[in-house]
Amino acid sequence: MSSAANNAPVQLYTCTGGANQQWKPVHGTLVSPVSRKCLDDPRFSTANGTQLIIYTCNGGRNQQGKLP
């Protein structure tokens, strides 16, 4: 994650342990402690390859998920 702005794309990247790669589960969402924003699916899609973004947490279904 190189930006904390709404709509910034989330990228898969080799784990380095950096703070920008940390996510915390909060009430069914994943929140970045750096940006304090949620992992968000802007198109409500469940298809493989969907581009996820970070966005202000709003409790929407597109920010909810089940963790293993």
PDB file of N, CA and C in Angstrom:
ATOM      1  N   MET A   1       0.857  -1.164   0.000  1.00  0.00           N
ATOM      2  CA  MET A   1       0.000   0.000   0.000  1.00  0.00           C
ATOM      3  C   MET A   1       0.898   1.220   0.000  1.00  0.00           C
ATOM      4  N   SER A   2       0.854   2.011  -1.043  1.00  0.00           N
ATOM      5  CA  SER A   2       1.720   3.174  -1.118  1.00  0.00           C
ATOM      6  C   SER A   2       0.952   4.473  -0.897  1.00  0.00           C
ATOM      7  N   SER A   3      -0.354   4.403  -0.814  1.00  0.00           N
ATOM      8  CA  SER A   3      -1.173   5.583  -0.596  1.00  0.00           C
ATOM      9  C   SER A   3      -2.230   5.269   0.446  1.00  0.00           C
ATOM     10  N   ALA A   4      -2.584   6.264   1.238  1.00  0.00           N
ATOM     11  CA  ALA A   4      -3.646   6.098   2.223  1.00  0.00           C
ATOM     12  C   ALA A   4      -4.927   6.783   1.762  1.00  0.00           C
ATOM     13  N   ALA A   5      -4.970   7.206   0.500  1.00  0.00           N
ATOM     14  CA  ALA A   5      -6.149   7.885  -0.035  1.00  0.00           C
ATOM     15  C   ALA A   5      -7.248   6.881  -0.370  1.00  0.00           C
ATOM     16  N   ASN A   6      -8.502   7.307  -0.216  1.00  0.00           N
ATOM     17  CA  ASN A   6      -9.609   6.465  -0.665  1.00  0.00           C
ATOM     18  C   ASN A   6      -9.390   6.076  -2.121  1.00  0.00           C
ATOM     19  N   ASN A   7      -9.786   4.861  -2.453  1.00  0.00           N
ATOM     20  CA  ASN A   7      -9.696   4.299  -3.803  1.00  0.00           C
ATOM     21  C   ASN A   7      -8.277   3.876  -4.198  1.00  0.00           C
ATOM     22  N   ALA A   8      -7.307   3.935  -3.282  1.00  0.00           N
ATOM     23  CA  ALA A   8      -5.962   3.461  -3.605  1.00  0.00           C
ATOM     24  C   ALA A   8      -6.026   1.945  -3.804  1.00  0.00           C
ATOM     25  N   PRO A   9      -5.455   1.430  -4.891  1.00  0.00           N
ATOM     26  CA  PRO A   9      -5.487  -0.013  -5.134  1.00  0.00           C
ATOM     27  C   PRO A   9      -4.608  -0.765  -4.137  1.00  0.00           C
ATOM     28  N   VAL A  10      -5.021  -1.977  -3.829  1.00  0.00           N
ATOM     29  CA  VAL A  10      -4.254  -2.860  -2.961  1.00  0.00           C
ATOM     30  C   VAL A  10      -3.509  -3.837  -3.853  1.00  0.00           C
ATOM     31  N   GLN A  11      -2.225  -4.029  -3.572  1.00  0.00           N
ATOM     32  CA  GLN A  11      -1.360  -4.862  -4.388  1.00  0.00           C
ATOM     33  C   GLN A  11      -0.848  -6.042  -3.577  1.00  0.00           C
ATOM     34  N   LEU A  12      -0.800  -7.215  -4.197  1.00  0.00           N
ATOM     35  CA  LEU A  12      -0.122  -8.349  -3.573  1.00  0.00           C
ATOM     36  C   LEU A  12       1.370  -8.134  -3.738  1.00  0.00           C
ATOM     37  N   TYR A  13       2.115  -8.396  -2.652  1.00  0.00           N
ATOM     38  CA  TYR A  13       3.550  -8.144  -2.682  1.00  0.00           C
ATOM     39  C   TYR A  13       4.226  -9.081  -1.698  1.00  0.00           C
ATOM     40  N   THR A  14       5.464  -9.412  -1.952  1.00  0.00           N
ATOM     41  CA  THR A  14       6.220 -10.259  -1.040  1.00  0.00           C
ATOM     42  C   THR A  14       6.203  -9.663   0.364  1.00  0.00           C
ATOM     43  N   CYS A  15       5.938 -10.515   1.356  1.00  0.00           N
ATOM     44  CA  CYS A  15       5.871 -10.038   2.748  1.00  0.00           C
ATOM     45  C   CYS A  15       7.240  -9.556   3.217  1.00  0.00           C
ATOM     46  N   THR A  16       7.257  -8.346   3.771  1.00  0.00           N
ATOM     47  CA  THR A  16       8.483  -7.776   4.317  1.00  0.00           C
ATOM     48  C   THR A  16       8.339  -7.479   5.803  1.00  0.00           C
ATOM     49  N   GLY A  17       7.105  -7.594   6.313  1.00  0.00           N
ATOM     50  CA  GLY A  17       6.846  -7.295   7.711  1.00  0.00           C
ATOM     51  C   GLY A  17       6.613  -5.822   7.971  1.00  0.00           C
ATOM     52  N   GLY A  18       6.587  -5.023   6.905  1.00  0.00           N
ATOM     53  CA  GLY A  18       6.378  -3.580   7.049  1.00  0.00           C
ATOM     54  C   GLY A  18       4.999  -3.236   7.588  1.00  0.00           C
ATOM     55  N   ALA A  19       4.902  -2.094   8.238  1.00  0.00           N
ATOM     56  CA  ALA A  19       3.619  -1.645   8.795  1.00  0.00           C
ATOM     57  C   ALA A  19       2.557  -1.493   7.710  1.00  0.00           C
ATOM     58  N   ASN A  20       2.987  -1.169   6.492  1.00  0.00           N
ATOM     59  CA  ASN A  20       2.025  -1.003   5.403  1.00  0.00           C
ATOM     60  C   ASN A  20       1.459  -2.326   4.896  1.00  0.00           C
ATOM     61  N   GLN A  21       1.944  -3.450   5.429  1.00  0.00           N
ATOM     62  CA  GLN A  21       1.412  -4.761   5.047  1.00  0.00           C
ATOM     63  C   GLN A  21       0.590  -5.392   6.163  1.00  0.00           C
ATOM     64  N   GLN A  22       0.359  -4.660   7.219  1.00  0.00           N
ATOM     65  CA  GLN A  22      -0.393  -5.186   8.354  1.00  0.00           C
ATOM     66  C   GLN A  22      -1.888  -4.905   8.172  1.00  0.00           C
ATOM     67  N   TRP A  23      -2.697  -5.882   8.523  1.00  0.00           N
ATOM     68  CA  TRP A  23      -4.158  -5.739   8.506  1.00  0.00           C
ATOM     69  C   TRP A  23      -4.693  -6.329   9.800  1.00  0.00           C
ATOM     70  N   LYS A  24      -5.693  -5.689  10.371  1.00  0.00           N
ATOM     71  CA  LYS A  24      -6.278  -6.183  11.615  1.00  0.00           C
ATOM     72  C   LYS A  24      -7.761  -6.444  11.404  1.00  0.00           C
ATOM     73  N   PRO A  25      -8.243  -7.625  11.868  1.00  0.00           N
ATOM     74  CA  PRO A  25      -9.669  -7.906  11.754  1.00  0.00           C
ATOM     75  C   PRO A  25     -10.448  -7.080  12.784  1.00  0.00           C
ATOM     76  N   VAL A  26     -11.457  -6.360  12.309  1.00  0.00           N
ATOM     77  CA  VAL A  26     -12.306  -5.548  13.186  1.00  0.00           C
ATOM     78  C   VAL A  26     -13.755  -5.722  12.729  1.00  0.00           C
ATOM     79  N   HIS A  27     -14.548  -6.421  13.523  1.00  0.00           N
ATOM     80  CA  HIS A  27     -15.983  -6.603  13.243  1.00  0.00           C
ATOM     81  C   HIS A  27     -16.253  -7.090  11.816  1.00  0.00           C
ATOM     82  N   GLY A  28     -15.500  -8.077  11.359  1.00  0.00           N
ATOM     83  CA  GLY A  28     -15.734  -8.661  10.041  1.00  0.00           C
ATOM     84  C   GLY A  28     -15.079  -7.925   8.891  1.00  0.00           C
ATOM     85  N   THR A  29     -14.278  -6.914   9.191  1.00  0.00           N
ATOM     86  CA  THR A  29     -13.560  -6.189   8.144  1.00  0.00           C
ATOM     87  C   THR A  29     -12.063  -6.319   8.394  1.00  0.00           C
ATOM     88  N   LEU A  30     -11.272  -5.989   7.395  1.00  0.00           N
ATOM     89  CA  LEU A  30      -9.818  -5.902   7.568  1.00  0.00           C
ATOM     90  C   LEU A  30      -9.445  -4.433   7.501  1.00  0.00           C
ATOM     91  N   VAL A  31      -8.808  -3.944   8.566  1.00  0.00           N
ATOM     92  CA  VAL A  31      -8.463  -2.531   8.687  1.00  0.00           C
ATOM     93  C   VAL A  31      -6.944  -2.375   8.703  1.00  0.00           C
ATOM     94  N   SER A  32      -6.470  -1.422   7.945  1.00  0.00           N
ATOM     95  CA  SER A  32      -5.050  -1.090   7.934  1.00  0.00           C
ATOM     96  C   SER A  32      -4.765  -0.131   9.083  1.00  0.00           C
ATOM     97  N   PRO A  33      -3.871  -0.515  10.022  1.00  0.00           N
ATOM     98  CA  PRO A  33      -3.522   0.404  11.103  1.00  0.00           C
ATOM     99  C   PRO A  33      -2.815   1.671  10.608  1.00  0.00           C
ATOM    100  N   VAL A  34      -2.176   1.601   9.444  1.00  0.00           N
ATOM    101  CA  VAL A  34      -1.465   2.758   8.895  1.00  0.00           C
ATOM    102  C   VAL A  34      -2.456   3.803   8.384  1.00  0.00           C
ATOM    103  N   SER A  35      -3.397   3.378   7.550  1.00  0.00           N
ATOM    104  CA  SER A  35      -4.350   4.327   6.965  1.00  0.00           C
ATOM    105  C   SER A  35      -5.641   4.439   7.773  1.00  0.00           C
ATOM    106  N   ARG A  36      -5.892   3.431   8.645  1.00  0.00           N
ATOM    107  CA  ARG A  36      -7.148   3.306   9.395  1.00  0.00           C
ATOM    108  C   ARG A  36      -8.349   3.197   8.451  1.00  0.00           C
ATOM    109  N   LYS A  37      -8.110   2.586   7.288  1.00  0.00           N
ATOM    110  CA  LYS A  37      -9.170   2.365   6.304  1.00  0.00           C
ATOM    111  C   LYS A  37      -9.357   0.877   6.083  1.00  0.00           C
ATOM    112  N   CYS A  38     -10.497   0.529   5.499  1.00  0.00           N
ATOM    113  CA  CYS A  38     -10.876  -0.871   5.302  1.00  0.00           C
ATOM    114  C   CYS A  38     -10.519  -1.370   3.909  1.00  0.00           C
ATOM    115  N   LEU A  39     -10.285  -2.681   3.840  1.00  0.00           N
ATOM    116  CA  LEU A  39     -10.163  -3.353   2.558  1.00  0.00           C
ATOM    117  C   LEU A  39     -11.557  -3.353   1.937  1.00  0.00           C
ATOM    118  N   ASP A  40     -11.675  -2.932   0.706  1.00  0.00           N
ATOM    119  CA  ASP A  40     -12.968  -2.660   0.084  1.00  0.00           C
ATOM    120  C   ASP A  40     -13.032  -3.250  -1.323  1.00  0.00           C
ATOM    121  N   ASP A  41     -14.166  -3.830  -1.664  1.00  0.00           N
ATOM    122  CA  ASP A  41     -14.439  -4.325  -3.019  1.00  0.00           C
ATOM    123  C   ASP A  41     -15.418  -3.340  -3.656  1.00  0.00           C
ATOM    124  N   PRO A  42     -14.930  -2.411  -4.463  1.00  0.00           N
ATOM    125  CA  PRO A  42     -15.781  -1.330  -4.961  1.00  0.00           C
ATOM    126  C   PRO A  42     -16.910  -1.770  -5.888  1.00  0.00           C
ATOM    127  N   ARG A  43     -16.822  -2.990  -6.420  1.00  0.00           N
ATOM    128  CA  ARG A  43     -17.859  -3.439  -7.365  1.00  0.00           C
ATOM    129  C   ARG A  43     -18.694  -4.599  -6.820  1.00  0.00           C
ATOM    130  N   PHE A  44     -18.556  -4.896  -5.527  1.00  0.00           N
ATOM    131  CA  PHE A  44     -19.301  -5.996  -4.905  1.00  0.00           C
ATOM    132  C   PHE A  44     -19.124  -7.293  -5.679  1.00  0.00           C
ATOM    133  N   SER A  45     -17.915  -7.557  -6.172  1.00  0.00           N
ATOM    134  CA  SER A  45     -17.651  -8.722  -7.011  1.00  0.00           C
ATOM    135  C   SER A  45     -16.981  -9.827  -6.205  1.00  0.00           C
ATOM    136  N   THR A  46     -17.319 -11.070  -6.529  1.00  0.00           N
ATOM    137  CA  THR A  46     -16.643 -12.211  -5.908  1.00  0.00           C
ATOM    138  C   THR A  46     -15.763 -12.945  -6.921  1.00  0.00           C
ATOM    139  N   ALA A  47     -15.572 -12.352  -8.088  1.00  0.00           N
ATOM    140  CA  ALA A  47     -14.797 -12.992  -9.148  1.00  0.00           C
ATOM    141  C   ALA A  47     -13.301 -12.947  -8.845  1.00  0.00           C
ATOM    142  N   ASN A  48     -12.597 -13.998  -9.232  1.00  0.00           N
ATOM    143  CA  ASN A  48     -11.143 -14.002  -9.135  1.00  0.00           C
ATOM    144  C   ASN A  48     -10.581 -12.821  -9.907  1.00  0.00           C
ATOM    145  N   GLY A  49      -9.537 -12.219  -9.378  1.00  0.00           N
ATOM    146  CA  GLY A  49      -8.877 -11.113 -10.068  1.00  0.00           C
ATOM    147  C   GLY A  49      -9.487  -9.749  -9.797  1.00  0.00           C
ATOM    148  N   THR A  50     -10.470  -9.669  -8.935  1.00  0.00           N
ATOM    149  CA  THR A  50     -11.102  -8.387  -8.631  1.00  0.00           C
ATOM    150  C   THR A  50     -10.092  -7.447  -7.973  1.00  0.00           C
ATOM    151  N   GLN A  51      -9.998  -6.217  -8.449  1.00  0.00           N
ATOM    152  CA  GLN A  51      -9.091  -5.218  -7.876  1.00  0.00           C
ATOM    153  C   GLN A  51      -9.703  -4.645  -6.604  1.00  0.00           C
ATOM    154  N   LEU A  52      -9.053  -4.885  -5.470  1.00  0.00           N
ATOM    155  CA  LEU A  52      -9.512  -4.342  -4.199  1.00  0.00           C
ATOM    156  C   LEU A  52      -8.835  -3.007  -3.943  1.00  0.00           C
ATOM    157  N   ILE A  53      -9.476  -2.194  -3.096  1.00  0.00           N
ATOM    158  CA  ILE A  53      -8.959  -0.877  -2.765  1.00  0.00           C
ATOM    159  C   ILE A  53      -9.019  -0.683  -1.253  1.00  0.00           C
ATOM    160  N   ILE A  54      -8.454   0.424  -0.772  1.00  0.00           N
ATOM    161  CA  ILE A  54      -8.713   0.824   0.605  1.00  0.00           C
ATOM    162  C   ILE A  54      -9.721   1.967   0.548  1.00  0.00           C
ATOM    163  N   TYR A  55     -10.580   2.005   1.557  1.00  0.00           N
ATOM    164  CA  TYR A  55     -11.625   3.033   1.582  1.00  0.00           C
ATOM    165  C   TYR A  55     -12.045   3.258   3.027  1.00  0.00           C
ATOM    166  N   THR A  56     -12.510   4.441   3.333  1.00  0.00           N
ATOM    167  CA  THR A  56     -13.011   4.746   4.666  1.00  0.00           C
ATOM    168  C   THR A  56     -14.007   3.681   5.091  1.00  0.00           C
ATOM    169  N   CYS A  57     -13.826   3.140   6.284  1.00  0.00           N
ATOM    170  CA  CYS A  57     -14.731   2.092   6.777  1.00  0.00           C
ATOM    171  C   CYS A  57     -16.145   2.657   6.921  1.00  0.00           C
ATOM    172  N   ASN A  58     -17.108   1.938   6.331  1.00  0.00           N
ATOM    173  CA  ASN A  58     -18.489   2.418   6.351  1.00  0.00           C
ATOM    174  C   ASN A  58     -19.494   1.323   6.688  1.00  0.00           C
ATOM    175  N   GLY A  59     -19.013   0.111   6.985  1.00  0.00           N
ATOM    176  CA  GLY A  59     -19.915  -0.979   7.347  1.00  0.00           C
ATOM    177  C   GLY A  59     -20.631  -1.627   6.178  1.00  0.00           C
ATOM    178  N   GLY A  60     -20.285  -1.255   4.951  1.00  0.00           N
ATOM    179  CA  GLY A  60     -20.933  -1.817   3.773  1.00  0.00           C
ATOM    180  C   GLY A  60     -20.618  -3.293   3.584  1.00  0.00           C
ATOM    181  N   ARG A  61     -21.519  -4.003   2.892  1.00  0.00           N
ATOM    182  CA  ARG A  61     -21.302  -5.428   2.601  1.00  0.00           C
ATOM    183  C   ARG A  61     -20.015  -5.658   1.829  1.00  0.00           C
ATOM    184  N   ASN A  62     -19.623  -4.706   1.010  1.00  0.00           N
ATOM    185  CA  ASN A  62     -18.409  -4.856   0.199  1.00  0.00           C
ATOM    186  C   ASN A  62     -17.132  -4.707   1.026  1.00  0.00           C
ATOM    187  N   GLN A  63     -17.272  -4.438   2.327  1.00  0.00           N
ATOM    188  CA  GLN A  63     -16.112  -4.390   3.214  1.00  0.00           C
ATOM    189  C   GLN A  63     -16.127  -5.537   4.226  1.00  0.00           C
ATOM    190  N   GLN A  64     -17.115  -6.405   4.144  1.00  0.00           N
ATOM    191  CA  GLN A  64     -17.258  -7.526   5.066  1.00  0.00           C
ATOM    192  C   GLN A  64     -16.688  -8.784   4.447  1.00  0.00           C
ATOM    193  N   GLY A  65     -16.182  -9.648   5.291  1.00  0.00           N
ATOM    194  CA  GLY A  65     -15.657 -10.911   4.795  1.00  0.00           C
ATOM    195  C   GLY A  65     -15.462 -11.887   5.942  1.00  0.00           C
ATOM    196  N   LYS A  66     -15.248 -13.142   5.591  1.00  0.00           N
ATOM    197  CA  LYS A  66     -14.969 -14.181   6.585  1.00  0.00           C
ATOM    198  C   LYS A  66     -13.508 -14.539   6.507  1.00  0.00           C
ATOM    199  N   LEU A  67     -12.859 -14.528   7.644  1.00  0.00           N
ATOM    200  CA  LEU A  67     -11.466 -14.926   7.705  1.00  0.00           C
ATOM    201  C   LEU A  67     -11.364 -16.390   8.071  1.00  0.00           C
ATOM    202  N   PRO A  68     -10.383 -17.090   7.508  1.00  0.00           N
ATOM    203  CA  PRO A  68     -10.233 -18.503   7.859  1.00  0.00           C
ATOM    204  C   PRO A  68      -9.817 -18.694   9.307  1.00  0.00           C
TER     205      PRO A  68
END
